């Protein structure tokens, strides 16, 4: 069963969204439904998946097991605000 939903959005947001859906060949309703489904249906944390970009970038930087990121960040801040 489908139900109508009324949303209040800025004119600019609506214009950009309409342009976007026309470019990708879908509807605003489909985009909003997909958004709500992703928020609520996939609520299980074990089913969480990162975007393809995040997956591609993960693992690029390899740090030593003993790397102390807090100390490194503190040193960075000390130098930045000297």
Protein backbone atom coordinates (compact mmCIF):
# COMPACT_ATOMS: atom_id res chain seq x y z
CA UNK A 1 0.00 0.00 0.00
CA UNK A 2 1.29 3.44 -0.89
CA UNK A 3 0.56 6.57 1.14
CA UNK A 4 1.07 10.19 0.19
CA UNK A 5 3.61 12.20 2.21
CA UNK A 6 3.92 15.98 2.25
CA UNK A 7 7.34 17.51 2.94
CA UNK A 8 8.29 21.16 3.40
CA UNK A 9 11.60 21.91 1.72
CA UNK A 10 13.26 25.00 0.33
CA UNK A 11 12.63 25.79 -3.32
CA UNK A 12 16.37 25.48 -4.02
CA UNK A 13 16.51 21.99 -2.54
CA UNK A 14 13.53 20.87 -4.59
CA UNK A 15 14.96 22.33 -7.79
CA UNK A 16 18.32 20.61 -7.26
CA UNK A 17 16.61 17.33 -6.40
CA UNK A 18 14.41 17.46 -9.51
CA UNK A 19 17.44 18.15 -11.69
CA UNK A 20 19.31 15.27 -10.06
CA UNK A 21 16.52 12.72 -10.54
CA UNK A 22 16.05 13.75 -14.16
CA UNK A 23 19.75 13.10 -14.77
CA UNK A 24 19.71 9.64 -13.19
CA UNK A 25 16.30 8.62 -14.49
CA UNK A 26 14.36 8.03 -11.29
CA UNK A 27 11.75 9.85 -9.22
CA UNK A 28 11.90 11.95 -6.08
CA UNK A 29 9.54 9.48 -4.43
CA UNK A 30 11.93 6.62 -5.14
CA UNK A 31 14.87 8.59 -3.74
CA UNK A 32 12.99 9.50 -0.55
CA UNK A 33 11.70 5.95 -0.10
CA UNK A 34 15.20 4.56 -0.55
CA UNK A 35 16.54 7.08 1.99
CA UNK A 36 13.92 6.12 4.59
CA UNK A 37 14.52 2.42 3.95
CA UNK A 38 18.25 2.87 4.46
CA UNK A 39 17.61 4.67 7.73
CA UNK A 40 15.17 2.18 9.14
CA UNK A 41 15.31 -1.21 7.42
CA UNK A 42 19.08 -1.57 7.52
CA UNK A 43 19.21 -0.63 11.19
CA UNK A 44 21.26 -3.73 12.02
CA UNK A 45 24.84 -2.57 12.61
CA UNK A 46 26.31 -5.84 11.34
CA UNK A 47 24.74 -5.17 7.93
CA UNK A 48 26.27 -1.70 7.70
CA UNK A 49 28.34 -1.15 4.58
CA UNK A 50 30.62 1.71 3.64
CA UNK A 51 30.41 3.59 0.38
CA UNK A 52 32.58 2.31 -2.49
CA UNK A 53 34.93 5.28 -2.06
CA UNK A 54 35.50 4.52 1.63
CA UNK A 55 36.06 0.85 0.82
CA UNK A 56 38.57 1.85 -1.86
CA UNK A 57 40.48 4.15 0.49
CA UNK A 58 40.48 1.87 3.52
CA UNK A 59 43.75 0.12 4.12
CA UNK A 60 45.85 2.57 2.10
CA UNK A 61 47.74 3.84 5.15
CA UNK A 62 49.57 1.21 7.18
CA UNK A 63 50.75 2.30 10.61
CA UNK A 64 53.09 0.54 13.01
CA UNK A 65 51.30 -1.44 15.73
CA UNK A 66 52.88 0.77 18.40
CA UNK A 67 51.95 4.06 16.70
CA UNK A 68 50.66 6.50 19.31
CA UNK A 69 48.20 8.67 17.40
CA UNK A 70 47.34 10.75 20.49
CA UNK A 71 50.97 11.72 21.02
CA UNK A 72 51.39 12.45 17.32
CA UNK A 73 48.29 14.65 17.27
CA UNK A 74 49.42 16.46 20.43
CA UNK A 75 52.78 17.20 18.79
CA UNK A 76 50.99 18.48 15.70
CA UNK A 77 48.84 20.83 17.81
CA UNK A 78 51.85 22.04 19.79
CA UNK A 79 53.64 22.98 16.57
CA UNK A 80 50.53 24.52 15.05
CA UNK A 81 49.89 26.86 17.98
CA UNK A 82 53.47 27.85 18.83
